[in-house]
Amino acid sequence: MKTVLITGSTDGIGKQTAVILAQKGFSVLIHGRNEDGCKQTVREISSLTGVKNLDYFVCDLLSLKEVYRFSEVVKKRYGSLDILINNAGVYLKDYMLSPEGIEATFQINHLSMFYLTLNLLPIIKPAGEPARIINVSSTAHASKMDFDNLVKPVKYDGHKAYGLSKLCNILFTFELSERIKDKNITVNCLHPGVINTKLLKAGWGAVGGFFGRSPQEGAKTSVYLAVSKDVENITGKYFSDSKIAKPHDIAYNKDARTKLWRLSEELINRSGYEMV
């Protein structure tokens, strides 16, 4: 039985992804910010699917300390992961700093994903076919990189911060895929579609009464990348509607990718945490 960890899986796209993968026979590890939400999600998925191979982890991705603890608990409890789906993400209208003094959208959407993924790499192992890392990005990713406004923006704009963080997801995906190409692990990212979630409503509201497609629709590309034999040996790609798509040109800029990687490592080390 394959094991998948899905961040941000107590509601929205992440929850639907968890339901579908549980139905497909996966051992599903739920992640959320509070224990009550995680327990309720496990009960609901178990009731819907009859599956008992469910577990949960509580972690606020706003804190690098919690991310470190999260990764260590997962490693102690599980010897290996077949699939990691970095689904968690936020849109924040108002400016907020993490406990480490880093702009919250960037930290939650990118830096914590970066830290968690690299800390879990030792247990992401292929069982026959390649293991898979899947990062949920967005078509709303920025078309230009602005390193000066990532960590502590001079003038905060929620949409700009979100777009930059989603570009970071793609840059990280492409760079990681190259760095671990000899480990039999594929790394891909995706745009889930314009989906009726709390994030969509918080950032964009209703346009003419339209709130986007259902979370079930939004989960389709994540599930496709998790289970399809068609992508078994495909890595370093951006997908939309379960097809390879083309992000903005900046995503292919090697200098931007390596600069983001170095910055991410520096921020983690500066905050007093070491890369595992």
C-alpha atoms as a PDB file:
ATOM      1  CA  MET A   1       0.000   0.000   0.000  1.00  0.00           C
ATOM      2  CA  LYS A   2       1.362   3.403  -0.999  1.00  0.00           C
ATOM      3  CA  THR A   3       1.531   6.272   1.471  1.00  0.00           C
ATOM      4  CA  VAL A   4       0.778   9.880   0.537  1.00  0.00           C
ATOM      5  CA  LEU A   5       1.130  13.007   2.676  1.00  0.00           C
ATOM      6  CA  ILE A   6      -1.077  15.924   1.613  1.00  0.00           C
ATOM      7  CA  THR A   7      -0.548  19.326   3.221  1.00  0.00           C
ATOM      8  CA  GLY A   8      -3.566  21.556   3.711  1.00  0.00           C
ATOM      9  CA  SER A   9      -5.945  18.619   3.440  1.00  0.00           C
ATOM     10  CA  THR A  10      -8.699  19.463   5.940  1.00  0.00           C
ATOM     11  CA  ASP A  11     -10.757  21.373   3.366  1.00  0.00           C
ATOM     12  CA  GLY A  12     -10.981  22.420  -0.262  1.00  0.00           C
ATOM     13  CA  ILE A  13      -8.829  20.845  -2.946  1.00  0.00           C
ATOM     14  CA  GLY A  14      -6.562  19.082  -0.465  1.00  0.00           C
ATOM     15  CA  LYS A  15      -9.457  17.343   1.257  1.00  0.00           C
ATOM     16  CA  GLN A  16     -10.955  16.164  -2.024  1.00  0.00           C
ATOM     17  CA  THR A  17      -7.554  14.908  -3.136  1.00  0.00           C
ATOM     18  CA  ALA A  18      -7.336  12.955   0.127  1.00  0.00           C
ATOM     19  CA  VAL A  19     -10.802  11.439  -0.368  1.00  0.00           C
ATOM     20  CA  ILE A  20     -10.034  10.296  -3.911  1.00  0.00           C
ATOM     21  CA  LEU A  21      -6.643   8.826  -3.051  1.00  0.00           C
ATOM     22  CA  ALA A  22      -8.117   7.021  -0.031  1.00  0.00           C
ATOM     23  CA  GLN A  23     -10.723   5.525  -2.360  1.00  0.00           C
ATOM     24  CA  LYS A  24      -7.894   4.390  -4.629  1.00  0.00           C
ATOM     25  CA  GLY A  25      -6.290   2.445  -1.793  1.00  0.00           C
ATOM     26  CA  PHE A  26      -3.634   4.853  -0.546  1.00  0.00           C
ATOM     27  CA  SER A  27      -2.660   5.218   3.081  1.00  0.00           C
ATOM     28  CA  VAL A  28      -3.420   8.940   3.433  1.00  0.00           C
ATOM     29  CA  LEU A  29      -1.707  11.305   5.868  1.00  0.00           C
ATOM     30  CA  ILE A  30      -3.760  14.420   6.555  1.00  0.00           C
ATOM     31  CA  HIS A  31      -2.252  17.763   7.565  1.00  0.00           C
ATOM     32  CA  GLY A  32      -4.005  20.776   9.047  1.00  0.00           C
ATOM     33  CA  ARG A  33      -3.483  23.724  11.365  1.00  0.00           C
ATOM     34  CA  ASN A  34      -5.598  22.443  14.243  1.00  0.00           C
ATOM     35  CA  GLU A  35      -6.271  19.041  15.752  1.00  0.00           C
ATOM     36  CA  ASP A  36     -10.062  19.270  15.722  1.00  0.00           C
ATOM     37  CA  GLY A  37     -10.081  19.936  11.977  1.00  0.00           C
ATOM     38  CA  CYS A  38      -7.721  17.040  11.331  1.00  0.00           C
ATOM     39  CA  LYS A  39      -9.754  14.614  13.446  1.00  0.00           C
ATOM     40  CA  GLN A  40     -12.991  15.686  11.768  1.00  0.00           C
ATOM     41  CA  THR A  41     -11.447  15.210   8.323  1.00  0.00           C
ATOM     42  CA  VAL A  42     -10.210  11.732   9.186  1.00  0.00           C
ATOM     43  CA  ARG A  43     -13.706  10.803  10.458  1.00  0.00           C
ATOM     44  CA  GLU A  44     -15.368  12.165   7.315  1.00  0.00           C
ATOM     45  CA  ILE A  45     -12.996  10.422   4.918  1.00  0.00           C
ATOM     46  CA  SER A  46     -13.293   7.164   6.825  1.00  0.00           C
ATOM     47  CA  SER A  47     -17.095   7.423   6.756  1.00  0.00           C
ATOM     48  CA  LEU A  48     -17.185   8.282   3.038  1.00  0.00           C
ATOM     49  CA  THR A  49     -14.712   5.643   1.890  1.00  0.00           C
ATOM     50  CA  GLY A  50     -14.683   2.960   4.566  1.00  0.00           C
ATOM     51  CA  VAL A  51     -10.899   3.362   4.637  1.00  0.00           C
ATOM     52  CA  LYS A  52      -9.082   3.062   7.950  1.00  0.00           C
ATOM     53  CA  ASN A  53      -5.530   3.732   6.732  1.00  0.00           C
ATOM     54  CA  LEU A  54      -5.637   7.385   7.724  1.00  0.00           C
ATOM     55  CA  ASP A  55      -3.412   9.451   9.967  1.00  0.00           C
ATOM     56  CA  TYR A  56      -3.036  13.156  10.670  1.00  0.00           C
ATOM     57  CA  PHE A  57      -0.439  15.749  11.633  1.00  0.00           C
ATOM     58  CA  VAL A  58      -1.000  19.201  13.088  1.00  0.00           C
ATOM     59  CA  CYS A  59       1.305  22.022  12.010  1.00  0.00           C
ATOM     60  CA  ASP A  60       0.991  25.756  11.446  1.00  0.00           C
ATOM     61  CA  LEU A  61       3.105  26.428   8.363  1.00  0.00           C
ATOM     62  CA  LEU A  62       3.573  30.013   9.527  1.00  0.00           C
ATOM     63  CA  SER A  63       6.228  28.712  11.946  1.00  0.00           C
ATOM     64  CA  LEU A  64       9.478  27.145  10.756  1.00  0.00           C
ATOM     65  CA  LYS A  65       9.830  25.616  14.211  1.00  0.00           C
ATOM     66  CA  GLU A  66       6.552  23.769  13.717  1.00  0.00           C
ATOM     67  CA  VAL A  67       7.558  22.714  10.198  1.00  0.00           C
ATOM     68  CA  TYR A  68      10.728  21.169  11.578  1.00  0.00           C
ATOM     69  CA  ARG A  69       8.783  19.362  14.303  1.00  0.00           C
ATOM     70  CA  PHE A  70       6.216  18.212  11.727  1.00  0.00           C
ATOM     71  CA  SER A  71       8.864  16.698   9.454  1.00  0.00           C
ATOM     72  CA  GLU A  72      10.596  14.957  12.344  1.00  0.00           C
ATOM     73  CA  VAL A  73       7.350  13.385  13.597  1.00  0.00           C
ATOM     74  CA  VAL A  74       6.494  12.143  10.107  1.00  0.00           C
ATOM     75  CA  LYS A  75       9.956  10.576   9.738  1.00  0.00           C
ATOM     76  CA  LYS A  76       9.715   8.851  13.101  1.00  0.00           C
ATOM     77  CA  ARG A  77       6.245   7.489  12.430  1.00  0.00           C
ATOM     78  CA  TYR A  78       6.768   6.446   8.795  1.00  0.00           C
ATOM     79  CA  GLY A  79       9.788   4.793   7.257  1.00  0.00           C
ATOM     80  CA  SER A  80       8.909   5.959   3.772  1.00  0.00           C
ATOM     81  CA  LEU A  81       6.561   8.127   1.723  1.00  0.00           C
ATOM     82  CA  ASP A  82       5.636   7.321  -1.854  1.00  0.00           C
ATOM     83  CA  ILE A  83       4.071  10.685  -2.606  1.00  0.00           C
ATOM     84  CA  LEU A  84       4.230  14.176  -1.089  1.00  0.00           C
ATOM     85  CA  ILE A  85       1.589  16.648  -2.248  1.00  0.00           C
ATOM     86  CA  ASN A  86       2.365  20.210  -1.151  1.00  0.00           C
ATOM     87  CA  ASN A  87      -1.168  21.524  -1.440  1.00  0.00           C
ATOM     88  CA  ALA A  88      -1.371  24.045   1.431  1.00  0.00           C
ATOM     89  CA  GLY A  89      -1.562  27.688   0.453  1.00  0.00           C
ATOM     90  CA  VAL A  90      -3.032  31.005   1.556  1.00  0.00           C
ATOM     91  CA  TYR A  91      -4.056  34.375   0.211  1.00  0.00           C
ATOM     92  CA  LEU A  92      -3.613  37.118   2.816  1.00  0.00           C
ATOM     93  CA  LYS A  93      -5.185  40.500   2.216  1.00  0.00           C
ATOM     94  CA  ASP A  94      -3.308  42.142   5.074  1.00  0.00           C
ATOM     95  CA  TYR A  95       0.412  42.287   5.767  1.00  0.00           C
ATOM     96  CA  MET A  96       1.593  39.871   8.421  1.00  0.00           C
ATOM     97  CA  LEU A  97       4.977  38.569   9.541  1.00  0.00           C
ATOM     98  CA  SER A  98       5.810  35.057  10.681  1.00  0.00           C
ATOM     99  CA  PRO A  99       7.475  34.435  14.073  1.00  0.00           C
ATOM    100  CA  GLU A 100      10.755  34.469  12.124  1.00  0.00           C
ATOM    101  CA  GLY A 101      10.010  37.969  10.764  1.00  0.00           C
ATOM    102  CA  ILE A 102       9.237  36.833   7.207  1.00  0.00           C
ATOM    103  CA  GLU A 103       6.212  37.945   5.182  1.00  0.00           C
ATOM    104  CA  ALA A 104       3.537  35.332   5.866  1.00  0.00           C
ATOM    105  CA  THR A 105       2.326  34.568   2.317  1.00  0.00           C
ATOM    106  CA  PHE A 106       5.863  33.883   1.126  1.00  0.00           C
ATOM    107  CA  GLN A 107       6.649  31.797   4.207  1.00  0.00           C
ATOM    108  CA  ILE A 108       3.501  29.639   4.151  1.00  0.00           C
ATOM    109  CA  ASN A 109       3.257  29.195   0.391  1.00  0.00           C
ATOM    110  CA  HIS A 110       6.943  28.751  -0.399  1.00  0.00           C
ATOM    111  CA  LEU A 111       9.484  28.716   2.427  1.00  0.00           C
ATOM    112  CA  SER A 112       7.681  26.165   4.600  1.00  0.00           C
ATOM    113  CA  MET A 113       7.046  23.980   1.539  1.00  0.00           C
ATOM    114  CA  PHE A 114      10.737  24.200   0.677  1.00  0.00           C
ATOM    115  CA  TYR A 115      11.816  23.327   4.241  1.00  0.00           C
ATOM    116  CA  LEU A 116       9.303  20.509   4.712  1.00  0.00           C
ATOM    117  CA  THR A 117      10.094  18.904   1.362  1.00  0.00           C
ATOM    118  CA  LEU A 118      13.860  18.900   1.864  1.00  0.00           C
ATOM    119  CA  ASN A 119      13.502  17.579   5.420  1.00  0.00           C
ATOM    120  CA  LEU A 120      11.296  14.737   4.202  1.00  0.00           C
ATOM    121  CA  LEU A 121      13.473  13.825   1.197  1.00  0.00           C
ATOM    122  CA  PRO A 122      15.302  11.036   3.100  1.00  0.00           C
ATOM    123  CA  ILE A 123      12.040   9.082   3.431  1.00  0.00           C
ATOM    124  CA  ILE A 124      10.551   9.846   0.000  1.00  0.00           C
ATOM    125  CA  LYS A 125      11.524   6.584  -1.624  1.00  0.00           C
ATOM    126  CA  PRO A 126      10.434   4.769  -4.756  1.00  0.00           C
ATOM    127  CA  ALA A 127       8.651   1.468  -4.273  1.00  0.00           C
ATOM    128  CA  GLY A 128       9.038   0.046  -7.771  1.00  0.00           C
ATOM    129  CA  GLU A 129       8.013   3.089  -9.780  1.00  0.00           C
ATOM    130  CA  PRO A 130       9.460   6.534  -9.012  1.00  0.00           C
ATOM    131  CA  ALA A 131       8.308   8.377  -5.902  1.00  0.00           C
ATOM    132  CA  ARG A 132       6.520  11.652  -6.602  1.00  0.00           C
ATOM    133  CA  ILE A 133       6.573  15.199  -5.235  1.00  0.00           C
ATOM    134  CA  ILE A 134       3.671  17.366  -6.393  1.00  0.00           C
ATOM    135  CA  ASN A 135       3.452  21.103  -5.714  1.00  0.00           C
ATOM    136  CA  VAL A 136       0.212  23.029  -6.144  1.00  0.00           C
ATOM    137  CA  SER A 137       0.911  26.385  -7.797  1.00  0.00           C
ATOM    138  CA  SER A 138      -1.469  28.646  -9.733  1.00  0.00           C
ATOM    139  CA  THR A 139      -1.989  30.271 -13.099  1.00  0.00           C
ATOM    140  CA  ALA A 140      -1.942  33.490 -11.058  1.00  0.00           C
ATOM    141  CA  HIS A 141       1.834  33.124 -10.600  1.00  0.00           C
ATOM    142  CA  ALA A 142       3.817  36.296 -11.231  1.00  0.00           C
ATOM    143  CA  SER A 143       5.389  36.945 -14.638  1.00  0.00           C
ATOM    144  CA  LYS A 144       8.430  38.642 -13.072  1.00  0.00           C
ATOM    145  CA  MET A 145      10.518  37.837 -10.024  1.00  0.00           C
ATOM    146  CA  ASP A 146      10.859  40.575  -7.391  1.00  0.00           C
ATOM    147  CA  PHE A 147      13.352  39.429  -4.766  1.00  0.00           C
ATOM    148  CA  ASP A 148      13.227  42.801  -3.012  1.00  0.00           C
ATOM    149  CA  ASN A 149       9.587  42.281  -2.072  1.00  0.00           C
ATOM    150  CA  LEU A 150       9.600  38.664  -0.939  1.00  0.00           C
ATOM    151  CA  VAL A 151      10.772  38.686   2.670  1.00  0.00           C
ATOM    152  CA  LYS A 152       9.660  42.129   3.862  1.00  0.00           C
ATOM    153  CA  PRO A 153       7.894  44.022   1.079  1.00  0.00           C
ATOM    154  CA  VAL A 154       8.116  47.805   1.218  1.00  0.00           C
ATOM    155  CA  LYS A 155       4.491  48.118   0.147  1.00  0.00           C
ATOM    156  CA  TYR A 156       2.346  45.034   0.688  1.00  0.00           C
ATOM    157  CA  ASP A 157      -0.184  43.931  -1.897  1.00  0.00           C
ATOM    158  CA  GLY A 158      -1.976  40.632  -1.272  1.00  0.00           C
ATOM    159  CA  HIS A 159      -2.340  39.717  -4.917  1.00  0.00           C
ATOM    160  CA  LYS A 160       1.291  40.491  -5.714  1.00  0.00           C
ATOM    161  CA  ALA A 161       2.500  38.510  -2.693  1.00  0.00           C
ATOM    162  CA  TYR A 162       0.344  35.555  -3.706  1.00  0.00           C
ATOM    163  CA  GLY A 163       1.523  35.698  -7.331  1.00  0.00           C
ATOM    164  CA  LEU A 164       5.176  35.821  -6.283  1.00  0.00           C
ATOM    165  CA  SER A 165       4.732  32.893  -3.893  1.00  0.00           C
ATOM    166  CA  LYS A 166       3.107  30.797  -6.608  1.00  0.00           C
ATOM    167  CA  LEU A 167       5.968  31.633  -8.981  1.00  0.00           C
ATOM    168  CA  CYS A 168       8.311  30.458  -6.218  1.00  0.00           C
ATOM    169  CA  ASN A 169       6.463  27.112  -6.212  1.00  0.00           C
ATOM    170  CA  ILE A 170       7.284  26.652  -9.895  1.00  0.00           C
ATOM    171  CA  LEU A 171      10.894  27.821  -9.582  1.00  0.00           C
ATOM    172  CA  PHE A 172      11.380  25.430  -6.656  1.00  0.00           C
ATOM    173  CA  THR A 173       9.787  22.555  -8.582  1.00  0.00           C
ATOM    174  CA  PHE A 174      12.012  23.014 -11.613  1.00  0.00           C
ATOM    175  CA  GLU A 175      15.183  23.436  -9.554  1.00  0.00           C
ATOM    176  CA  LEU A 176      14.470  20.494  -7.233  1.00  0.00           C
ATOM    177  CA  SER A 177      13.704  18.222 -10.179  1.00  0.00           C
ATOM    178  CA  GLU A 178      17.199  18.861 -11.525  1.00  0.00           C
ATOM    179  CA  ARG A 179      18.945  18.499  -8.167  1.00  0.00           C
ATOM    180  CA  ILE A 180      17.419  15.076  -7.431  1.00  0.00           C
ATOM    181  CA  LYS A 181      17.142  13.689 -10.957  1.00  0.00           C
ATOM    182  CA  ASP A 182      19.319  10.706  -9.967  1.00  0.00           C
ATOM    183  CA  LYS A 183      17.120   9.710  -6.995  1.00  0.00           C
ATOM    184  CA  ASN A 184      14.188   8.173  -8.911  1.00  0.00           C
ATOM    185  CA  ILE A 185      11.825  10.864  -7.614  1.00  0.00           C
ATOM    186  CA  THR A 186       9.754  12.990  -9.983  1.00  0.00           C
ATOM    187  CA  VAL A 187       8.888  16.599  -9.097  1.00  0.00           C
ATOM    188  CA  ASN A 188       6.048  18.395 -10.840  1.00  0.00           C
ATOM    189  CA  CYS A 189       3.712  21.309 -10.158  1.00  0.00           C
ATOM    190  CA  LEU A 190       0.256  22.302 -11.281  1.00  0.00           C
ATOM    191  CA  HIS A 191      -2.505  24.840 -11.632  1.00  0.00           C
ATOM    192  CA  PRO A 192      -5.666  23.264 -10.178  1.00  0.00           C
ATOM    193  CA  GLY A 193      -8.077  25.570 -11.993  1.00  0.00           C
ATOM    194  CA  VAL A 194     -10.229  28.403 -10.690  1.00  0.00           C
ATOM    195  CA  ILE A 195     -11.815  26.524  -7.827  1.00  0.00           C
ATOM    196  CA  ASN A 196     -14.516  27.416  -5.298  1.00  0.00           C
ATOM    197  CA  THR A 197     -12.375  27.514  -2.153  1.00  0.00           C
ATOM    198  CA  LYS A 198     -11.898  29.839   0.822  1.00  0.00           C
ATOM    199  CA  LEU A 199      -8.709  31.104  -0.817  1.00  0.00           C
ATOM    200  CA  LEU A 200     -10.529  32.130  -4.020  1.00  0.00           C
ATOM    201  CA  LYS A 201     -13.241  33.952  -2.116  1.00  0.00           C
ATOM    202  CA  ALA A 202     -10.724  35.708   0.144  1.00  0.00           C
ATOM    203  CA  GLY A 203      -8.602  36.934  -2.736  1.00  0.00           C
ATOM    204  CA  TRP A 204     -10.983  37.471  -5.587  1.00  0.00           C
ATOM    205  CA  GLY A 205     -14.547  37.208  -4.282  1.00  0.00           C
ATOM    206  CA  ALA A 206     -17.335  36.461  -6.724  1.00  0.00           C
ATOM    207  CA  VAL A 207     -17.141  37.733 -10.286  1.00  0.00           C
ATOM    208  CA  GLY A 208     -20.686  37.987 -11.580  1.00  0.00           C
ATOM    209  CA  GLY A 209     -21.743  35.432  -8.988  1.00  0.00           C
ATOM    210  CA  PHE A 210     -19.135  32.952 -10.275  1.00  0.00           C
ATOM    211  CA  PHE A 211     -17.064  31.277  -7.611  1.00  0.00           C
ATOM    212  CA  GLY A 212     -15.198  28.778  -9.754  1.00  0.00           C
ATOM    213  CA  ARG A 213     -15.432  25.034 -10.217  1.00  0.00           C
ATOM    214  CA  SER A 214     -15.898  22.505  -7.447  1.00  0.00           C
ATOM    215  CA  PRO A 215     -13.049  21.241  -5.235  1.00  0.00           C
ATOM    216  CA  GLN A 216     -13.633  17.815  -6.826  1.00  0.00           C
ATOM    217  CA  GLU A 217     -12.686  19.353 -10.174  1.00  0.00           C
ATOM    218  CA  GLY A 218      -9.756  21.118  -8.539  1.00  0.00           C
ATOM    219  CA  ALA A 219      -8.358  17.830  -7.241  1.00  0.00           C
ATOM    220  CA  LYS A 220      -8.239  16.149 -10.645  1.00  0.00           C
ATOM    221  CA  THR A 221      -4.771  17.266 -11.747  1.00  0.00           C
ATOM    222  CA  SER A 222      -3.225  16.530  -8.334  1.00  0.00           C
ATOM    223  CA  VAL A 223      -4.718  13.029  -8.442  1.00  0.00           C
ATOM    224  CA  TYR A 224      -3.576  12.571 -12.036  1.00  0.00           C
ATOM    225  CA  LEU A 225       0.001  13.455 -11.108  1.00  0.00           C
ATOM    226  CA  ALA A 226      -0.178  11.123  -8.107  1.00  0.00           C
ATOM    227  CA  VAL A 227      -1.479   7.994  -9.850  1.00  0.00           C
ATOM    228  CA  SER A 228      -1.164   8.151 -13.628  1.00  0.00           C
ATOM    229  CA  LYS A 229       1.316   5.849 -15.356  1.00  0.00           C
ATOM    230  CA  ASP A 230       1.513   8.492 -18.113  1.00  0.00           C
ATOM    231  CA  VAL A 231       3.629  10.763 -15.888  1.00  0.00           C
ATOM    232  CA  GLU A 232       5.661   8.046 -14.201  1.00  0.00           C
ATOM    233  CA  ASN A 233       8.920   9.304 -15.705  1.00  0.00           C
ATOM    234  CA  ILE A 234       8.025  12.948 -16.312  1.00  0.00           C
ATOM    235  CA  THR A 235       9.672  15.487 -14.028  1.00  0.00           C
ATOM    236  CA  GLY A 236      10.233  19.228 -13.830  1.00  0.00           C
ATOM    237  CA  LYS A 237       6.973  20.178 -15.548  1.00  0.00           C
ATOM    238  CA  TYR A 238       4.006  22.459 -14.916  1.00  0.00           C
ATOM    239  CA  PHE A 239       0.549  20.987 -15.504  1.00  0.00           C
ATOM    240  CA  SER A 240      -2.942  22.363 -16.015  1.00  0.00           C
ATOM    241  CA  ASP A 241      -6.052  20.245 -16.716  1.00  0.00           C
ATOM    242  CA  SER A 242      -3.852  17.140 -16.440  1.00  0.00           C
ATOM    243  CA  LYS A 243      -1.689  18.277 -19.367  1.00  0.00           C
ATOM    244  CA  ILE A 244       1.768  19.815 -19.544  1.00  0.00           C
ATOM    245  CA  ALA A 245       1.375  23.585 -19.777  1.00  0.00           C
ATOM    246  CA  LYS A 246       3.747  26.532 -20.094  1.00  0.00           C
ATOM    247  CA  PRO A 247       4.225  28.884 -17.137  1.00  0.00           C
ATOM    248  CA  HIS A 248       5.595  32.404 -17.568  1.00  0.00           C
ATOM    249  CA  ASP A 249       9.085  32.552 -19.089  1.00  0.00           C
ATOM    250  CA  ILE A 250      10.702  33.577 -15.791  1.00  0.00           C
ATOM    251  CA  ALA A 251      10.069  30.032 -14.498  1.00  0.00           C
ATOM    252  CA  TYR A 252      12.799  28.790 -16.847  1.00  0.00           C
ATOM    253  CA  ASN A 253      15.382  31.314 -15.633  1.00  0.00           C
ATOM    254  CA  LYS A 254      18.192  29.319 -14.007  1.00  0.00           C
ATOM    255  CA  ASP A 255      19.601  32.353 -12.202  1.00  0.00           C
ATOM    256  CA  ALA A 256      16.246  33.101 -10.582  1.00  0.00           C
ATOM    257  CA  ARG A 257      15.865  29.471  -9.509  1.00  0.00           C
ATOM    258  CA  THR A 258      19.292  29.233  -7.892  1.00  0.00           C
ATOM    259  CA  LYS A 259      18.950  32.661  -6.254  1.00  0.00           C
ATOM    260  CA  LEU A 260      15.616  31.631  -4.716  1.00  0.00           C
ATOM    261  CA  TRP A 261      17.145  28.371  -3.474  1.00  0.00           C
ATOM    262  CA  ARG A 262      20.055  30.206  -1.814  1.00  0.00           C
ATOM    263  CA  LEU A 263      17.720  32.788  -0.286  1.00  0.00           C
ATOM    264  CA  SER A 264      15.478  30.055   1.096  1.00  0.00           C
ATOM    265  CA  GLU A 265      18.405  28.255   2.707  1.00  0.00           C
ATOM    266  CA  GLU A 266      19.732  31.531   4.146  1.00  0.00           C
ATOM    267  CA  LEU A 267      16.368  32.441   5.672  1.00  0.00           C
ATOM    268  CA  ILE A 268      16.060  29.040   7.325  1.00  0.00           C
ATOM    269  CA  ASN A 269      19.611  29.141   8.667  1.00  0.00           C
ATOM    270  CA  ARG A 270      19.237  32.763   9.796  1.00  0.00           C
ATOM    271  CA  SER A 271      16.124  31.793  11.737  1.00  0.00           C
ATOM    272  CA  GLY A 272      18.167  29.291  13.714  1.00  0.00           C
ATOM    273  CA  TYR A 273      17.187  26.112  11.915  1.00  0.00           C
ATOM    274  CA  GLU A 274      19.409  23.800   9.981  1.00  0.00           C
ATOM    275  CA  MET A 275      18.619  21.996   6.777  1.00  0.00           C
ATOM    276  CA  VAL A 276      18.357  18.280   7.518  1.00  0.00           C
END
